[in-house]
Amino acid sequence: MAQVKIYYEPEMELLTVFWQPPRKNQIATELGDGVILIKDGTTGEPIGMELLAYHPSDNRFDAVSVEMGRLAGIS
């Protein structure tokens, strides 16, 4: 099972989320509104994201829905 790692640095107002291990050759692309996509530099596969100027009441998560469980019908 994949492990999600979340790092919050309040003094820098930075939230970093990795759903795969960080890479030495990772690259970052700003998507807008202080959202940074972190990708593997070789494959281009997304491995994490950063939120700049983050604070616990950040409304950029208002549209995010997280559901736990298995997806039916996927083999």
PDB file of N, CA and C in Angstrom:
ATOM      1  N   MET A   1       0.838  -1.181   0.000  1.00  0.00           N
ATOM      2  CA  MET A   1       0.000   0.000   0.000  1.00  0.00           C
ATOM      3  C   MET A   1       0.883   1.245   0.000  1.00  0.00           C
ATOM      4  N   ALA A   2       0.517   2.202  -0.807  1.00  0.00           N
ATOM      5  CA  ALA A   2       1.278   3.450  -0.888  1.00  0.00           C
ATOM      6  C   ALA A   2       1.133   4.242   0.404  1.00  0.00           C
ATOM      7  N   GLN A   3       2.167   4.973   0.721  1.00  0.00           N
ATOM      8  CA  GLN A   3       2.166   5.807   1.909  1.00  0.00           C
ATOM      9  C   GLN A   3       2.185   7.265   1.486  1.00  0.00           C
ATOM     10  N   VAL A   4       1.281   8.041   2.027  1.00  0.00           N
ATOM     11  CA  VAL A   4       1.254   9.473   1.753  1.00  0.00           C
ATOM     12  C   VAL A   4       1.974  10.171   2.892  1.00  0.00           C
ATOM     13  N   LYS A   5       2.923  11.030   2.547  1.00  0.00           N
ATOM     14  CA  LYS A   5       3.667  11.785   3.558  1.00  0.00           C
ATOM     15  C   LYS A   5       3.326  13.258   3.406  1.00  0.00           C
ATOM     16  N   ILE A   6       2.977  13.877   4.537  1.00  0.00           N
ATOM     17  CA  ILE A   6       2.587  15.280   4.547  1.00  0.00           C
ATOM     18  C   ILE A   6       3.516  16.029   5.484  1.00  0.00           C
ATOM     19  N   TYR A   7       4.098  17.105   4.976  1.00  0.00           N
ATOM     20  CA  TYR A   7       5.015  17.936   5.757  1.00  0.00           C
ATOM     21  C   TYR A   7       4.443  19.346   5.813  1.00  0.00           C
ATOM     22  N   TYR A   8       4.325  19.872   7.018  1.00  0.00           N
ATOM     23  CA  TYR A   8       3.837  21.239   7.196  1.00  0.00           C
ATOM     24  C   TYR A   8       4.899  22.038   7.919  1.00  0.00           C
ATOM     25  N   GLU A   9       5.322  23.134   7.310  1.00  0.00           N
ATOM     26  CA  GLU A   9       6.324  24.025   7.893  1.00  0.00           C
ATOM     27  C   GLU A   9       5.656  25.373   8.150  1.00  0.00           C
ATOM     28  N   PRO A  10       5.093  25.558   9.379  1.00  0.00           N
ATOM     29  CA  PRO A  10       4.320  26.783   9.642  1.00  0.00           C
ATOM     30  C   PRO A  10       5.127  28.069   9.502  1.00  0.00           C
ATOM     31  N   GLU A  11       6.413  28.045   9.862  1.00  0.00           N
ATOM     32  CA  GLU A  11       7.212  29.271   9.760  1.00  0.00           C
ATOM     33  C   GLU A  11       7.429  29.687   8.306  1.00  0.00           C
ATOM     34  N   MET A  12       7.343  28.732   7.388  1.00  0.00           N
ATOM     35  CA  MET A  12       7.482  29.037   5.956  1.00  0.00           C
ATOM     36  C   MET A  12       6.129  29.063   5.244  1.00  0.00           C
ATOM     37  N   GLU A  13       5.060  28.736   5.974  1.00  0.00           N
ATOM     38  CA  GLU A  13       3.716  28.619   5.403  1.00  0.00           C
ATOM     39  C   GLU A  13       3.737  27.707   4.180  1.00  0.00           C
ATOM     40  N   LEU A  14       4.281  26.507   4.362  1.00  0.00           N
ATOM     41  CA  LEU A  14       4.469  25.565   3.264  1.00  0.00           C
ATOM     42  C   LEU A  14       3.911  24.200   3.642  1.00  0.00           C
ATOM     43  N   LEU A  15       3.052  23.658   2.790  1.00  0.00           N
ATOM     44  CA  LEU A  15       2.520  22.308   2.962  1.00  0.00           C
ATOM     45  C   LEU A  15       2.990  21.483   1.773  1.00  0.00           C
ATOM     46  N   THR A  16       3.659  20.375   2.052  1.00  0.00           N
ATOM     47  CA  THR A  16       4.167  19.491   1.001  1.00  0.00           C
ATOM     48  C   THR A  16       3.555  18.116   1.190  1.00  0.00           C
ATOM     49  N   VAL A  17       3.040  17.536   0.111  1.00  0.00           N
ATOM     50  CA  VAL A  17       2.423  16.208   0.141  1.00  0.00           C
ATOM     51  C   VAL A  17       3.119  15.348  -0.907  1.00  0.00           C
ATOM     52  N   PHE A  18       3.635  14.199  -0.468  1.00  0.00           N
ATOM     53  CA  PHE A  18       4.226  13.227  -1.394  1.00  0.00           C
ATOM     54  C   PHE A  18       3.419  11.942  -1.333  1.00  0.00           C
ATOM     55  N   TRP A  19       2.993  11.414  -2.482  1.00  0.00           N
ATOM     56  CA  TRP A  19       2.347  10.109  -2.534  1.00  0.00           C
ATOM     57  C   TRP A  19       3.292   9.059  -3.099  1.00  0.00           C
ATOM     58  N   GLN A  20       4.481   9.504  -3.473  1.00  0.00           N
ATOM     59  CA  GLN A  20       5.588   8.618  -3.823  1.00  0.00           C
ATOM     60  C   GLN A  20       6.839   9.218  -3.202  1.00  0.00           C
ATOM     61  N   PRO A  21       7.895   8.414  -3.040  1.00  0.00           N
ATOM     62  CA  PRO A  21       9.116   8.956  -2.428  1.00  0.00           C
ATOM     63  C   PRO A  21       9.694  10.114  -3.252  1.00  0.00           C
ATOM     64  N   PRO A  22      10.231  11.143  -2.574  1.00  0.00           N
ATOM     65  CA  PRO A  22      10.896  12.234  -3.294  1.00  0.00           C
ATOM     66  C   PRO A  22      12.052  11.698  -4.144  1.00  0.00           C
ATOM     67  N   ARG A  23      12.352  12.386  -5.231  1.00  0.00           N
ATOM     68  CA  ARG A  23      13.424  11.984  -6.142  1.00  0.00           C
ATOM     69  C   ARG A  23      14.522  13.041  -6.132  1.00  0.00           C
ATOM     70  N   LYS A  24      15.743  12.614  -6.402  1.00  0.00           N
ATOM     71  CA  LYS A  24      16.839  13.576  -6.548  1.00  0.00           C
ATOM     72  C   LYS A  24      16.648  14.415  -7.802  1.00  0.00           C
ATOM     73  N   ASN A  25      16.015  13.832  -8.811  1.00  0.00           N
ATOM     74  CA  ASN A  25      15.846  14.524 -10.091  1.00  0.00           C
ATOM     75  C   ASN A  25      14.427  15.064 -10.269  1.00  0.00           C
ATOM     76  N   GLN A  26      13.744  15.381  -9.176  1.00  0.00           N
ATOM     77  CA  GLN A  26      12.374  15.868  -9.312  1.00  0.00           C
ATOM     78  C   GLN A  26      12.353  17.288  -9.870  1.00  0.00           C
ATOM     79  N   ILE A  27      11.252  17.602 -10.544  1.00  0.00           N
ATOM     80  CA  ILE A  27      11.058  18.937 -11.093  1.00  0.00           C
ATOM     81  C   ILE A  27       9.720  19.471 -10.581  1.00  0.00           C
ATOM     82  N   ALA A  28       9.593  20.783 -10.552  1.00  0.00           N
ATOM     83  CA  ALA A  28       8.378  21.403 -10.043  1.00  0.00           C
ATOM     84  C   ALA A  28       7.775  22.319 -11.104  1.00  0.00           C
ATOM     85  N   THR A  29       6.452  22.294 -11.178  1.00  0.00           N
ATOM     86  CA  THR A  29       5.716  23.136 -12.111  1.00  0.00           C
ATOM     87  C   THR A  29       4.623  23.858 -11.346  1.00  0.00           C
ATOM     88  N   GLU A  30       4.611  25.192 -11.419  1.00  0.00           N
ATOM     89  CA  GLU A  30       3.545  25.929 -10.737  1.00  0.00           C
ATOM     90  C   GLU A  30       2.278  25.862 -11.573  1.00  0.00           C
ATOM     91  N   LEU A  31       1.191  25.421 -10.928  1.00  0.00           N
ATOM     92  CA  LEU A  31      -0.090  25.286 -11.612  1.00  0.00           C
ATOM     93  C   LEU A  31      -0.952  26.531 -11.465  1.00  0.00           C
ATOM     94  N   GLY A  32      -0.565  27.418 -10.558  1.00  0.00           N
ATOM     95  CA  GLY A  32      -1.340  28.623 -10.296  1.00  0.00           C
ATOM     96  C   GLY A  32      -1.855  28.633  -8.873  1.00  0.00           C
ATOM     97  N   ASP A  33      -2.160  29.806  -8.359  1.00  0.00           N
ATOM     98  CA  ASP A  33      -2.693  29.993  -7.007  1.00  0.00           C
ATOM     99  C   ASP A  33      -1.800  29.365  -5.942  1.00  0.00           C
ATOM    100  N   GLY A  34      -0.484  29.364  -6.173  1.00  0.00           N
ATOM    101  CA  GLY A  34       0.451  28.835  -5.187  1.00  0.00           C
ATOM    102  C   GLY A  34       0.470  27.329  -5.074  1.00  0.00           C
ATOM    103  N   VAL A  35      -0.040  26.630  -6.090  1.00  0.00           N
ATOM    104  CA  VAL A  35      -0.035  25.168  -6.105  1.00  0.00           C
ATOM    105  C   VAL A  35       1.087  24.712  -7.028  1.00  0.00           C
ATOM    106  N   ILE A  36       2.006  23.903  -6.476  1.00  0.00           N
ATOM    107  CA  ILE A  36       3.163  23.408  -7.217  1.00  0.00           C
ATOM    108  C   ILE A  36       3.030  21.901  -7.387  1.00  0.00           C
ATOM    109  N   LEU A  37       3.125  21.412  -8.611  1.00  0.00           N
ATOM    110  CA  LEU A  37       3.116  19.979  -8.881  1.00  0.00           C
ATOM    111  C   LEU A  37       4.557  19.498  -8.935  1.00  0.00           C
ATOM    112  N   ILE A  38       4.873  18.450  -8.180  1.00  0.00           N
ATOM    113  CA  ILE A  38       6.224  17.881  -8.153  1.00  0.00           C
ATOM    114  C   ILE A  38       6.193  16.602  -8.975  1.00  0.00           C
ATOM    115  N   LYS A  39       7.108  16.509  -9.958  1.00  0.00           N
ATOM    116  CA  LYS A  39       7.128  15.355 -10.861  1.00  0.00           C
ATOM    117  C   LYS A  39       8.506  14.705 -10.879  1.00  0.00           C
ATOM    118  N   ASP A  40       8.535  13.432 -11.225  1.00  0.00           N
ATOM    119  CA  ASP A  40       9.784  12.723 -11.461  1.00  0.00           C
ATOM    120  C   ASP A  40      10.418  13.348 -12.701  1.00  0.00           C
ATOM    121  N   GLY A  41      11.677  13.759 -12.600  1.00  0.00           N
ATOM    122  CA  GLY A  41      12.354  14.429 -13.699  1.00  0.00           C
ATOM    123  C   GLY A  41      12.594  13.551 -14.906  1.00  0.00           C
ATOM    124  N   THR A  42      12.610  12.241 -14.718  1.00  0.00           N
ATOM    125  CA  THR A  42      12.854  11.315 -15.823  1.00  0.00           C
ATOM    126  C   THR A  42      11.564  10.913 -16.524  1.00  0.00           C
ATOM    127  N   THR A  43      10.561  10.505 -15.740  1.00  0.00           N
ATOM    128  CA  THR A  43       9.321   9.987 -16.320  1.00  0.00           C
ATOM    129  C   THR A  43       8.220  11.032 -16.460  1.00  0.00           C
ATOM    130  N   GLY A  44       8.337  12.143 -15.728  1.00  0.00           N
ATOM    131  CA  GLY A  44       7.282  13.148 -15.736  1.00  0.00           C
ATOM    132  C   GLY A  44       6.088  12.776 -14.879  1.00  0.00           C
ATOM    133  N   GLU A  45       6.176  11.654 -14.175  1.00  0.00           N
ATOM    134  CA  GLU A  45       5.074  11.176 -13.336  1.00  0.00           C
ATOM    135  C   GLU A  45       4.910  12.067 -12.103  1.00  0.00           C
ATOM    136  N   PRO A  46       3.691  12.530 -11.809  1.00  0.00           N
ATOM    137  CA  PRO A  46       3.471  13.316 -10.588  1.00  0.00           C
ATOM    138  C   PRO A  46       3.750  12.478  -9.344  1.00  0.00           C
ATOM    139  N   ILE A  47       4.516  13.050  -8.411  1.00  0.00           N
ATOM    140  CA  ILE A  47       4.852  12.330  -7.180  1.00  0.00           C
ATOM    141  C   ILE A  47       4.468  13.117  -5.932  1.00  0.00           C
ATOM    142  N   GLY A  48       4.067  14.375  -6.099  1.00  0.00           N
ATOM    143  CA  GLY A  48       3.700  15.176  -4.944  1.00  0.00           C
ATOM    144  C   GLY A  48       3.249  16.561  -5.352  1.00  0.00           C
ATOM    145  N   MET A  49       2.966  17.369  -4.331  1.00  0.00           N
ATOM    146  CA  MET A  49       2.543  18.741  -4.567  1.00  0.00           C
ATOM    147  C   MET A  49       2.914  19.600  -3.376  1.00  0.00           C
ATOM    148  N   GLU A  50       3.016  20.888  -3.602  1.00  0.00           N
ATOM    149  CA  GLU A  50       3.258  21.848  -2.530  1.00  0.00           C
ATOM    150  C   GLU A  50       2.229  22.959  -2.630  1.00  0.00           C
ATOM    151  N   LEU A  51       1.835  23.459  -1.467  1.00  0.00           N
ATOM    152  CA  LEU A  51       0.964  24.624  -1.398  1.00  0.00           C
ATOM    153  C   LEU A  51       1.744  25.739  -0.732  1.00  0.00           C
ATOM    154  N   LEU A  52       1.954  26.829  -1.457  1.00  0.00           N
ATOM    155  CA  LEU A  52       2.658  27.986  -0.922  1.00  0.00           C
ATOM    156  C   LEU A  52       1.679  28.858  -0.146  1.00  0.00           C
ATOM    157  N   ALA A  53       2.177  29.582   0.843  1.00  0.00           N
ATOM    158  CA  ALA A  53       1.363  30.468   1.680  1.00  0.00           C
ATOM    159  C   ALA A  53       0.201  29.702   2.306  1.00  0.00           C
ATOM    160  N   TYR A  54       0.469  28.474   2.759  1.00  0.00           N
ATOM    161  CA  TYR A  54      -0.566  27.618   3.351  1.00  0.00           C
ATOM    162  C   TYR A  54      -0.761  27.946   4.828  1.00  0.00           C
ATOM    163  N   HIS A  55      -1.998  27.886   5.266  1.00  0.00           N
ATOM    164  CA  HIS A  55      -2.340  27.962   6.683  1.00  0.00           C
ATOM    165  C   HIS A  55      -3.501  26.997   6.908  1.00  0.00           C
ATOM    166  N   PRO A  56      -3.706  26.505   8.132  1.00  0.00           N
ATOM    167  CA  PRO A  56      -4.703  25.457   8.375  1.00  0.00           C
ATOM    168  C   PRO A  56      -6.122  25.760   7.890  1.00  0.00           C
ATOM    169  N   SER A  57      -6.515  27.004   7.786  1.00  0.00           N
ATOM    170  CA  SER A  57      -7.870  27.309   7.299  1.00  0.00           C
ATOM    171  C   SER A  57      -7.888  27.619   5.800  1.00  0.00           C
ATOM    172  N   ASP A  58      -6.883  27.154   5.076  1.00  0.00           N
ATOM    173  CA  ASP A  58      -6.738  27.420   3.641  1.00  0.00           C
ATOM    174  C   ASP A  58      -7.973  26.940   2.878  1.00  0.00           C
ATOM    175  N   ASN A  59      -8.573  27.819   2.079  1.00  0.00           N
ATOM    176  CA  ASN A  59      -9.785  27.443   1.350  1.00  0.00           C
ATOM    177  C   ASN A  59      -9.503  26.785   0.002  1.00  0.00           C
ATOM    178  N   ARG A  60      -8.239  26.573  -0.352  1.00  0.00           N
ATOM    179  CA  ARG A  60      -7.942  25.883  -1.611  1.00  0.00           C
ATOM    180  C   ARG A  60      -8.357  24.422  -1.536  1.00  0.00           C
ATOM    181  N   PHE A  61      -8.640  23.917  -0.335  1.00  0.00           N
ATOM    182  CA  PHE A  61      -9.084  22.529  -0.185  1.00  0.00           C
ATOM    183  C   PHE A  61     -10.599  22.402  -0.167  1.00  0.00           C
ATOM    184  N   ASP A  62     -11.329  23.489  -0.299  1.00  0.00           N
ATOM    185  CA  ASP A  62     -12.790  23.426  -0.248  1.00  0.00           C
ATOM    186  C   ASP A  62     -13.378  22.492  -1.299  1.00  0.00           C
ATOM    187  N   ALA A  63     -12.754  22.390  -2.455  1.00  0.00           N
ATOM    188  CA  ALA A  63     -13.291  21.577  -3.540  1.00  0.00           C
ATOM    189  C   ALA A  63     -12.689  20.177  -3.588  1.00  0.00           C
ATOM    190  N   VAL A  64     -11.897  19.812  -2.581  1.00  0.00           N
ATOM    191  CA  VAL A  64     -11.260  18.495  -2.577  1.00  0.00           C
ATOM    192  C   VAL A  64     -12.123  17.517  -1.797  1.00  0.00           C
ATOM    193  N   SER A  65     -12.398  16.376  -2.401  1.00  0.00           N
ATOM    194  CA  SER A  65     -13.158  15.319  -1.737  1.00  0.00           C
ATOM    195  C   SER A  65     -12.266  14.093  -1.637  1.00  0.00           C
ATOM    196  N   VAL A  66     -12.117  13.565  -0.436  1.00  0.00           N
ATOM    197  CA  VAL A  66     -11.291  12.377  -0.228  1.00  0.00           C
ATOM    198  C   VAL A  66     -12.196  11.232   0.186  1.00  0.00           C
ATOM    199  N   GLU A  67     -12.134  10.139  -0.550  1.00  0.00           N
ATOM    200  CA  GLU A  67     -12.923   8.962  -0.226  1.00  0.00           C
ATOM    201  C   GLU A  67     -11.983   7.786  -0.049  1.00  0.00           C
ATOM    202  N   MET A  68     -12.214   7.018   0.992  1.00  0.00           N
ATOM    203  CA  MET A  68     -11.381   5.863   1.288  1.00  0.00           C
ATOM    204  C   MET A  68     -12.121   4.602   0.851  1.00  0.00           C
ATOM    205  N   GLY A  69     -11.380   3.630   0.357  1.00  0.00           N
ATOM    206  CA  GLY A  69     -11.994   2.360  -0.020  1.00  0.00           C
ATOM    207  C   GLY A  69     -11.517   1.911  -1.385  1.00  0.00           C
ATOM    208  N   ARG A  70     -12.032   0.799  -1.806  1.00  0.00           N
ATOM    209  CA  ARG A  70     -11.660   0.228  -3.098  1.00  0.00           C
ATOM    210  C   ARG A  70     -12.619   0.697  -4.170  1.00  0.00           C
ATOM    211  N   LEU A  71     -12.119   0.833  -5.366  1.00  0.00           N
ATOM    212  CA  LEU A  71     -12.958   1.183  -6.500  1.00  0.00           C
ATOM    213  C   LEU A  71     -13.552  -0.095  -7.075  1.00  0.00           C
ATOM    214  N   ALA A  72     -14.837  -0.153  -7.188  1.00  0.00           N
ATOM    215  CA  ALA A  72     -15.506  -1.338  -7.731  1.00  0.00           C
ATOM    216  C   ALA A  72     -15.315  -1.395  -9.243  1.00  0.00           C
ATOM    217  N   GLY A  73     -15.143  -2.585  -9.751  1.00  0.00           N
ATOM    218  CA  GLY A  73     -15.078  -2.786 -11.187  1.00  0.00           C
ATOM    219  C   GLY A  73     -13.741  -2.488 -11.835  1.00  0.00           C
ATOM    220  N   ILE A  74     -12.713  -2.209 -11.057  1.00  0.00           N
ATOM    221  CA  ILE A  74     -11.388  -1.958 -11.631  1.00  0.00           C
ATOM    222  C   ILE A  74     -10.546  -3.204 -11.441  1.00  0.00           C
ATOM    223  N   SER A  75      -9.982  -3.689 -12.528  1.00  0.00           N
ATOM    224  CA  SER A  75      -9.155  -4.899 -12.413  1.00  0.00           C
ATOM    225  C   SER A  75      -7.715  -4.617 -12.697  1.00  0.00           C
TER     226      SER A  75
END
